[in-house]
Structures are given as C-alpha cells and as structure tokens.
Protein backbone atom coordinates (compact mmCIF):
# COMPACT_ATOMS: atom_id res chain seq x y z
CA MET A 1 -54.65 -91.96 -64.40
CA ALA A 2 -56.03 -88.48 -63.94
CA THR A 3 -53.67 -85.79 -62.63
CA VAL A 4 -54.90 -83.30 -60.07
CA GLN A 5 -54.19 -79.73 -61.26
CA LEU A 6 -54.37 -76.45 -59.44
CA SER A 7 -57.53 -75.59 -61.28
CA ASP A 8 -59.11 -78.69 -59.74
CA ILE A 9 -58.42 -77.59 -56.16
CA ILE A 10 -58.52 -73.79 -56.38
CA ASP A 11 -61.60 -71.65 -56.81
CA VAL A 12 -60.00 -68.31 -57.57
CA LYS A 13 -62.87 -66.24 -56.18
CA VAL A 14 -62.95 -68.25 -52.94
CA PHE A 15 -59.17 -68.03 -52.74
CA GLN A 16 -59.28 -64.23 -53.02
CA ASP A 17 -62.02 -63.87 -50.41
CA LEU A 18 -60.41 -66.07 -47.77
CA PRO A 19 -58.72 -64.11 -44.95
CA SER A 20 -54.99 -64.34 -44.99
CA VAL A 21 -53.42 -66.94 -42.69
CA ASN A 22 -50.25 -64.82 -42.52
CA SER A 23 -50.82 -61.12 -43.10
CA PRO A 24 -48.90 -57.95 -42.15
CA GLU A 25 -51.61 -57.10 -39.62
CA LYS A 26 -50.59 -60.18 -37.62
CA THR A 27 -46.95 -59.16 -37.26
CA ALA A 28 -45.32 -57.60 -34.25
CA PHE A 29 -44.71 -54.50 -36.38
CA PHE A 30 -48.43 -54.02 -36.64
CA GLU A 31 -49.38 -55.10 -33.17
CA SER A 32 -46.86 -52.67 -31.64
CA GLY A 33 -48.25 -49.77 -33.68
CA VAL A 34 -45.00 -49.32 -35.67
CA VAL A 35 -46.90 -49.76 -38.94
CA THR A 36 -50.37 -48.33 -39.38
CA ARG A 37 -52.86 -49.01 -42.15
CA ASN A 38 -55.82 -46.85 -42.98
CA SER A 39 -58.45 -46.44 -45.68
CA LEU A 40 -56.76 -43.32 -47.06
CA LEU A 41 -53.56 -45.17 -47.85
CA ASP A 42 -55.54 -48.12 -49.20
CA GLY A 43 -57.34 -45.72 -51.53
CA ILE A 44 -54.09 -44.10 -52.68
CA ALA A 45 -52.55 -47.54 -53.31
CA THR A 46 -55.61 -48.50 -55.39
CA ALA A 47 -55.66 -45.28 -57.41
CA ALA A 48 -53.93 -44.89 -60.75
CA GLY A 49 -50.28 -43.91 -61.00
CA LYS A 50 -46.84 -45.10 -59.96
CA THR A 51 -46.35 -42.63 -57.13
CA ALA A 52 -48.47 -41.36 -54.26
CA GLU A 53 -48.51 -37.90 -52.72
CA LEU A 54 -48.89 -38.08 -48.96
CA PRO A 55 -49.55 -34.57 -47.62
CA PHE A 56 -49.10 -33.65 -43.98
CA TRP A 57 -49.57 -30.48 -41.90
CA LYS A 58 -46.38 -28.92 -40.64
CA ASP A 59 -46.38 -27.91 -37.02
CA ILE A 60 -46.75 -24.30 -35.82
CA ASP A 61 -43.27 -22.82 -35.53
CA ALA A 62 -42.68 -22.63 -31.77
CA THR A 63 -39.55 -20.52 -32.29
CA VAL A 64 -41.74 -17.58 -33.34
CA ALA A 65 -42.85 -15.69 -30.24
CA PRO A 66 -46.53 -14.74 -29.81
CA ASN A 67 -47.71 -11.15 -30.18
CA LEU A 68 -47.57 -8.87 -27.19
CA SER A 69 -51.08 -7.50 -26.62
CA THR A 70 -51.64 -3.74 -26.34
CA ASP A 71 -54.63 -1.41 -25.95
CA ASN A 72 -53.62 0.63 -28.97
CA PRO A 73 -56.16 0.08 -31.81
CA ALA A 74 -53.66 1.38 -34.34
CA THR A 75 -51.30 -1.53 -33.68
CA LEU A 76 -52.28 -4.30 -36.05
CA ALA A 77 -51.21 -7.91 -35.63
CA THR A 78 -50.23 -10.01 -38.64
CA PRO A 79 -51.42 -13.60 -38.42
CA ASP A 80 -49.16 -16.48 -39.29
CA LYS A 81 -50.35 -19.59 -41.11
CA ILE A 82 -49.79 -23.31 -41.13
CA VAL A 83 -48.71 -25.00 -44.31
CA GLN A 84 -48.63 -28.52 -45.70
CA GLY A 85 -45.60 -30.55 -46.54
CA GLU A 86 -45.56 -33.45 -48.96
CA GLN A 87 -44.14 -36.96 -48.84
CA ILE A 88 -43.76 -38.72 -52.19
CA ALA A 89 -44.08 -42.51 -51.98
CA ARG A 90 -43.59 -44.92 -54.86
CA LYS A 91 -45.95 -47.84 -55.05
CA ALA A 92 -44.69 -51.43 -55.21
CA PHE A 93 -46.26 -53.50 -57.97
CA LEU A 94 -45.34 -57.10 -57.22
CA ASN A 95 -46.28 -60.60 -58.42
CA LYS A 96 -45.34 -64.20 -57.76
CA GLY A 97 -46.01 -67.31 -59.80
CA LEU A 98 -46.05 -70.82 -58.34
CA SER A 99 -45.83 -73.64 -60.83
CA ALA A 100 -48.23 -76.58 -60.55
CA ALA A 101 -45.63 -79.08 -61.68
CA ASP A 102 -44.28 -79.59 -58.17
CA LEU A 103 -46.80 -77.75 -56.07
CA ALA A 104 -49.99 -79.57 -57.13
CA SER A 105 -48.54 -83.05 -56.61
CA GLU A 106 -47.35 -82.04 -53.14
CA LEU A 107 -50.45 -80.23 -51.97
CA ALA A 108 -53.12 -82.52 -53.45
CA MET A 109 -52.01 -85.40 -51.21
CA GLY A 110 -53.72 -83.85 -48.21
CA SER A 111 -57.38 -83.21 -47.71
CA ARG A 112 -56.83 -79.51 -46.96
CA ALA A 113 -55.03 -78.41 -50.14
CA MET A 114 -56.58 -74.94 -50.09
CA ASP A 115 -55.39 -74.26 -46.58
CA GLN A 116 -51.84 -75.37 -47.41
CA ILE A 117 -51.75 -73.20 -50.54
CA ARG A 118 -53.10 -70.23 -48.60
CA ALA A 119 -50.52 -70.68 -45.81
CA ARG A 120 -47.67 -71.02 -48.27
CA VAL A 121 -48.50 -68.01 -50.42
CA ASP A 122 -49.38 -65.73 -47.53
CA ALA A 123 -46.18 -66.67 -45.67
CA TYR A 124 -44.18 -65.80 -48.77
CA TRP A 125 -45.81 -62.39 -49.14
CA LEU A 126 -45.45 -61.68 -45.45
CA ARG A 127 -41.69 -62.30 -45.66
CA GLN A 128 -41.51 -60.01 -48.67
CA TRP A 129 -43.46 -57.30 -46.84
CA GLN A 130 -41.05 -57.46 -43.90
CA ARG A 131 -38.03 -57.44 -46.19
CA ARG A 132 -39.25 -54.30 -47.91
CA LEU A 133 -39.83 -52.65 -44.57
CA ILE A 134 -36.33 -53.53 -43.35
CA ALA A 135 -34.80 -52.48 -46.70
CA SER A 136 -36.55 -49.10 -46.36
CA CYS A 137 -35.07 -48.74 -42.86
CA ASN A 138 -31.62 -49.45 -44.28
CA GLY A 139 -32.16 -46.77 -46.93
CA VAL A 140 -33.30 -44.24 -44.35
CA LEU A 141 -30.21 -45.05 -42.30
CA ALA A 142 -27.93 -44.66 -45.32
CA ASP A 143 -29.55 -41.34 -46.26
CA ASN A 144 -29.28 -40.07 -42.74
CA VAL A 145 -25.53 -40.80 -42.56
CA ALA A 146 -24.93 -39.35 -46.03
CA ASN A 147 -27.08 -36.24 -45.84
CA ASN A 148 -28.09 -35.45 -42.26
CA SER A 149 -24.82 -35.98 -40.33
CA GLY A 150 -26.13 -39.20 -38.84
CA ASP A 151 -28.39 -37.41 -36.38
CA MET A 152 -30.63 -40.48 -36.07
CA VAL A 153 -27.80 -42.92 -35.43
CA ILE A 154 -25.64 -43.98 -32.49
CA ASN A 155 -22.77 -46.20 -33.57
CA VAL A 156 -20.55 -47.66 -30.84
CA ALA A 157 -19.46 -50.84 -32.66
CA ALA A 158 -15.79 -51.75 -32.83
CA ASP A 159 -14.29 -52.88 -36.14
CA ALA A 160 -12.22 -55.67 -34.63
CA THR A 161 -13.21 -58.48 -32.33
CA ALA A 162 -10.29 -57.75 -30.02
CA SER A 163 -11.58 -54.24 -29.54
CA GLN A 164 -15.07 -55.29 -28.50
CA THR A 165 -16.04 -54.53 -24.92
CA ALA A 166 -19.20 -54.29 -22.89
CA THR A 167 -19.60 -50.71 -24.07
CA THR A 168 -19.50 -51.65 -27.76
CA LYS A 169 -22.19 -54.30 -27.31
CA PHE A 170 -25.86 -53.60 -26.78
CA ASN A 171 -26.35 -51.93 -23.37
CA ARG A 172 -28.66 -49.48 -21.63
CA ASP A 173 -26.40 -46.49 -22.03
CA THR A 174 -26.10 -46.75 -25.77
CA PHE A 175 -29.79 -47.55 -26.07
CA THR A 176 -30.61 -44.40 -24.16
CA ASP A 177 -28.35 -42.35 -26.37
CA ALA A 178 -30.11 -43.70 -29.47
CA VAL A 179 -33.54 -43.00 -28.03
CA TYR A 180 -32.67 -39.41 -27.24
CA THR A 181 -31.52 -38.61 -30.74
CA MET A 182 -35.26 -37.75 -30.89
CA GLY A 183 -34.90 -35.20 -28.13
CA ASP A 184 -38.09 -34.49 -26.21
CA ALA A 185 -40.07 -36.61 -28.70
CA ALA A 186 -38.41 -39.77 -27.37
CA ASP A 187 -41.51 -40.79 -25.44
CA ALA A 188 -43.21 -41.57 -28.76
CA LEU A 189 -41.05 -44.67 -29.24
CA ARG A 190 -42.92 -48.00 -29.00
CA ALA A 191 -40.74 -50.92 -30.25
CA ILE A 192 -37.21 -52.02 -31.03
CA ALA A 193 -36.27 -54.44 -33.80
CA VAL A 194 -33.09 -56.42 -33.21
CA HIS A 195 -31.10 -59.28 -34.74
CA SER A 196 -31.24 -62.55 -32.76
CA ALA A 197 -27.55 -62.09 -31.84
CA VAL A 198 -28.44 -58.83 -30.16
CA MET A 199 -31.49 -60.40 -28.54
CA LYS A 200 -29.16 -63.02 -27.08
CA GLN A 201 -27.06 -60.26 -25.52
CA MET A 202 -30.22 -58.62 -24.10
CA VAL A 203 -31.29 -61.88 -22.55
CA LYS A 204 -27.79 -62.38 -21.09
CA ASN A 205 -28.04 -58.90 -19.60
CA ASP A 206 -31.32 -60.01 -17.97
CA ASP A 207 -33.05 -57.00 -19.52
CA ILE A 208 -35.99 -58.71 -21.21
CA VAL A 209 -39.36 -58.57 -19.48
CA TYR A 210 -42.20 -60.72 -20.82
CA VAL A 211 -45.72 -59.31 -20.70
CA PRO A 212 -49.04 -61.11 -21.34
CA ASP A 213 -50.44 -61.46 -24.81
CA SER A 214 -54.14 -61.32 -25.64
CA GLN A 215 -54.55 -64.80 -24.13
CA GLY A 216 -52.84 -63.79 -20.92
CA ARG A 217 -49.65 -65.76 -21.64
CA LEU A 218 -46.29 -64.16 -20.88
CA THR A 219 -45.00 -64.34 -24.41
CA ILE A 220 -44.36 -60.75 -25.59
CA PRO A 221 -40.75 -59.64 -24.94
CA THR A 222 -40.18 -56.03 -23.90
CA TYR A 223 -37.11 -53.93 -23.23
CA MET A 224 -37.33 -50.71 -21.18
CA GLY A 225 -41.04 -50.68 -21.93
CA LEU A 226 -40.62 -51.17 -25.70
CA ARG A 227 -41.82 -54.24 -27.51
CA VAL A 228 -38.92 -56.33 -28.90
CA ILE A 229 -39.17 -57.58 -32.49
CA VAL A 230 -36.53 -60.16 -33.44
CA ASP A 231 -35.68 -60.39 -37.17
CA ASP A 232 -32.50 -61.79 -38.63
CA GLY A 233 -33.10 -59.75 -41.75
CA LEU A 234 -31.74 -56.70 -39.95
CA PRO A 235 -28.30 -55.52 -41.13
CA VAL A 236 -25.19 -57.45 -40.09
CA VAL A 237 -21.97 -55.89 -41.39
CA ALA A 238 -18.50 -57.39 -41.06
CA GLY A 239 -15.95 -55.18 -39.34
CA THR A 240 -12.96 -53.86 -41.22
CA THR A 241 -10.71 -56.48 -39.62
CA SER A 242 -12.95 -58.95 -37.77
CA GLY A 243 -16.20 -59.26 -35.86
CA PHE A 244 -19.67 -58.07 -36.83
CA LYS A 245 -21.73 -54.92 -36.42
CA TYR A 246 -25.52 -55.25 -35.80
CA THR A 247 -28.03 -52.50 -36.51
CA SER A 248 -31.05 -52.26 -34.23
CA VAL A 249 -33.99 -50.04 -35.16
CA ILE A 250 -36.09 -48.21 -32.58
CA PHE A 251 -39.55 -47.25 -33.81
CA GLY A 252 -42.22 -44.87 -32.70
CA GLU A 253 -45.95 -45.29 -33.28
CA GLY A 254 -46.88 -44.77 -36.91
CA ALA A 255 -43.26 -44.88 -38.10
CA PHE A 256 -44.49 -46.50 -41.32
CA GLY A 257 -47.73 -46.08 -43.19
CA TYR A 258 -49.16 -49.04 -45.12
CA GLY A 259 -51.69 -49.15 -47.92
CA ASP A 260 -52.91 -52.25 -49.74
CA GLY A 261 -54.03 -51.67 -53.31
CA ALA A 262 -56.19 -53.70 -55.65
CA PRO A 263 -54.46 -55.25 -58.68
CA VAL A 264 -56.69 -55.84 -61.69
CA MET A 265 -56.25 -59.63 -61.25
CA PRO A 266 -55.02 -60.36 -57.73
CA VAL A 267 -55.19 -64.15 -58.19
CA GLU A 268 -55.09 -66.08 -61.44
CA VAL A 269 -54.49 -69.65 -62.61
CA GLN A 270 -52.67 -69.90 -65.93
CA ARG A 271 -52.94 -73.06 -68.07
CA GLU A 272 -50.23 -73.95 -70.59
CA ALA A 273 -51.32 -77.10 -72.39
CA ASN A 274 -48.19 -77.59 -74.46
CA GLN A 275 -45.72 -77.43 -71.58
CA GLY A 276 -44.41 -80.64 -70.10
CA ASN A 277 -44.23 -81.98 -73.63
CA GLY A 278 -47.98 -81.69 -73.87
CA ALA A 279 -48.79 -82.98 -70.39
CA GLY A 280 -49.78 -79.46 -69.39
CA VAL A 281 -48.57 -77.12 -66.67
CA GLU A 282 -50.58 -74.76 -64.55
CA THR A 283 -49.28 -71.79 -62.59
CA LEU A 284 -50.86 -69.91 -59.73
CA TRP A 285 -50.18 -66.16 -59.95
CA THR A 286 -50.70 -63.77 -57.04
CA ARG A 287 -50.18 -60.02 -57.24
CA LYS A 288 -49.80 -57.23 -54.74
CA THR A 289 -49.82 -53.47 -54.88
CA TRP A 290 -48.41 -51.87 -51.72
CA ILE A 291 -47.49 -48.56 -50.19
CA LEU A 292 -45.07 -49.11 -47.31
CA HIS A 293 -43.53 -45.78 -46.45
CA PRO A 294 -41.63 -44.22 -43.49
CA PHE A 295 -43.14 -41.04 -42.10
CA GLY A 296 -41.21 -37.88 -42.80
CA TYR A 297 -39.52 -39.08 -45.97
CA GLN A 298 -40.08 -38.94 -49.66
CA ASN A 299 -38.77 -41.22 -52.39
CA THR A 300 -36.26 -39.64 -54.71
CA GLY A 301 -34.65 -40.73 -57.92
CA THR A 302 -36.08 -43.25 -60.38
CA PRO A 303 -35.93 -47.03 -59.94
CA ALA A 304 -34.68 -49.21 -62.76
CA SER A 305 -38.16 -50.75 -63.06
CA VAL A 306 -41.60 -49.40 -62.19
CA SER A 307 -41.06 -50.26 -58.51
CA TYR A 308 -38.05 -50.11 -56.22
CA SER A 309 -36.12 -53.35 -55.72
CA LEU A 310 -34.94 -54.33 -52.27
CA ALA A 311 -31.42 -53.15 -53.12
CA GLU A 312 -32.73 -49.78 -54.36
CA LEU A 313 -34.84 -49.31 -51.21
CA ALA A 314 -31.75 -49.92 -49.09
CA ALA A 315 -29.71 -47.19 -50.85
CA ASP A 316 -29.52 -43.58 -49.68
CA ALA A 317 -30.42 -42.34 -53.18
CA ALA A 318 -34.01 -43.49 -52.74
CA TRP A 319 -34.76 -41.27 -49.75
CA SER A 320 -34.86 -37.66 -48.58
CA ARG A 321 -36.08 -36.39 -45.19
CA VAL A 322 -38.69 -33.65 -45.38
CA VAL A 323 -39.37 -32.99 -41.68
CA GLU A 324 -37.28 -32.12 -38.60
CA ARG A 325 -35.35 -34.97 -37.09
CA LYS A 326 -37.46 -35.18 -33.91
CA ASN A 327 -40.60 -35.65 -36.03
CA VAL A 328 -39.25 -38.88 -37.57
CA PRO A 329 -40.12 -41.67 -35.11
CA ILE A 330 -37.11 -43.84 -35.96
CA SER A 331 -33.68 -44.19 -34.34
CA PHE A 332 -30.76 -46.52 -35.11
CA LEU A 333 -28.27 -48.18 -32.83
CA VAL A 334 -25.19 -49.99 -34.19
CA THR A 335 -23.40 -52.34 -31.77
CA ASN A 336 -21.33 -55.49 -31.67
C-alpha cells in the first residue's frame, strides 16, 4: 500500500505564497498599535548581518532656553543642532522541523491537508513570536529595576497571601500610578497586557468595557480606554512566603518595531530514505528571520548562539535604555 508523504501533499512554492492563517498582524498587539511593522525594518531584517542599527532623531532639548532677540547687529546667535541616537537590535534566526512520521499520517486523512498544515505551523510561529515579545518585556523590566531605579515600574504586590488586600491587587489607583511613570507622555499609551488571573480581578471590579470589533460585535475588552490583551505567558512570580505576583505591561503606540526578513530557504521538505529502517522519513522545515525590538533600547552583550534565546531576552544583561524614560512607551505594574 502506498504511503502518503509530505512531498505528496505540499507544493513548497504554493505553501510559501499562501497568506498566513495565524500571523503577528492578526494579534491584539498589532491591532492595538503596540507593535508596528514597516518596510524599513523588513529591509533591515533581510539585509546581511547578525545585528541591525536602528537610528532615531533625538528631540530638541527643551531645557535650553531660546535666544533673546536684540537689535544689535554685533550680537551673534549660535545655533544648536539635533543629533541622532542609535538602537542596536539583534536579529532572531529561527527554524522549526516537523517530522512526517506522525504528521503526514494525521493530516493526510482529511481532504484539506494543506490548510491543516498551514494552520498548525503558523499557530506555532505566532506563539513563538508572542513569547519573544513577552520575554523582551521581561528583560526590559529587569534592566529597568537593575539600572534605572525602577522608574518604569509600580510594584504594590505583597509577598504573603495573608498580607494581600484590595490595594495590593489590580486597581485603578495603582494602574494610574503605573501610567504616570511616563509623566506627561502618558496619553500615548494604547493597550495593557495582563494575565488571566488579573483579567478576572478586572472583571470582578466591573471595570471592563467591551467595544465593537470590525464586524460591529462587542468583543474587544478595554480598560480605562486601553485595549486589554490577555496572555498567560506574562510573568507570574511566587511570593517569598506564599501567594503570587502578576506583572501587567502597559504599552504605547509603537512600543515595539517588527521586521520580517527573508531566509534563503523559508520552507523546505527534506527526504531521508534510510530512516525508519528504510521506509523513509520526510521533514517539513520552516525558517524565520525576525527583528522584534522595543523602542528606546539597544541589545547589549553577546548571546550564547547567533540569536538570543527566550531566557537571554528575559535577562537584564541583554538590554540598555538609550532614551529618556518618558520616551519609552512601556510601563509595568506588579500586583497580586
């Protein structure tokens, strides 16, 4: 009896050209404007090299007073200038192989094998994309506590369950304190990402307002005008004696930049005739090259491999802030 293999049901070129069923652009992070993608970042991600230089114009220093005009032609004014800063981002070179031994037999049973493969692979990469974003947030938080006196963080969580009160749990006062770590730039915030346990508390507080989606259905949760993104990948830390601490992240528009590169072989089917004791095994390989970088930061240090792992992204050693605090559109709130 003939065995259906991946090469029988996958046309690599067609597979590459199909639009993603699950892509970063379809996440709440994208729809809220927290993450932005543009052709410049795509080009940088596609270009050669392990790192990317992301220049930005520094603002005009408002602490320097303007010149006082006179009618004396001998009094000469000296112009100031604007300068560029630089953010260094390290690209992520990633790949995933899916063996045909189990996958082909499962997928070939249906008439829409290509759709099932596409949905499975895209969903996997979407989860990895979100995990790298959250890991980067954890690293920015760790760096901020270690090197910037925690000026982006409000932490009201108690270490013991017995010490937890309404003020140590998510509430409007602590949310407001976290928002205004950005000072007068607080109005740039657009979304808040929370753990489902925190979302439960927000619902209990009757603070969630649902607004219409593109189809007019009341399905998008908001809090104080910010879109709510629920993700259980956000940090949950056990207290020193009991209980848990939950980190919520408040984002402004363009908090992260995203670029999608072009690996030499984005999709490939590999045939190994001698595996399976000669029965043959095929593997579907997919590859990604990404830039996913928080505005106002640069990567520091050197990863163990070419790209940062999730654990390395979550460490303070990977990050250094290169702009003033209020210019970083991210705030953190730690609660019970």
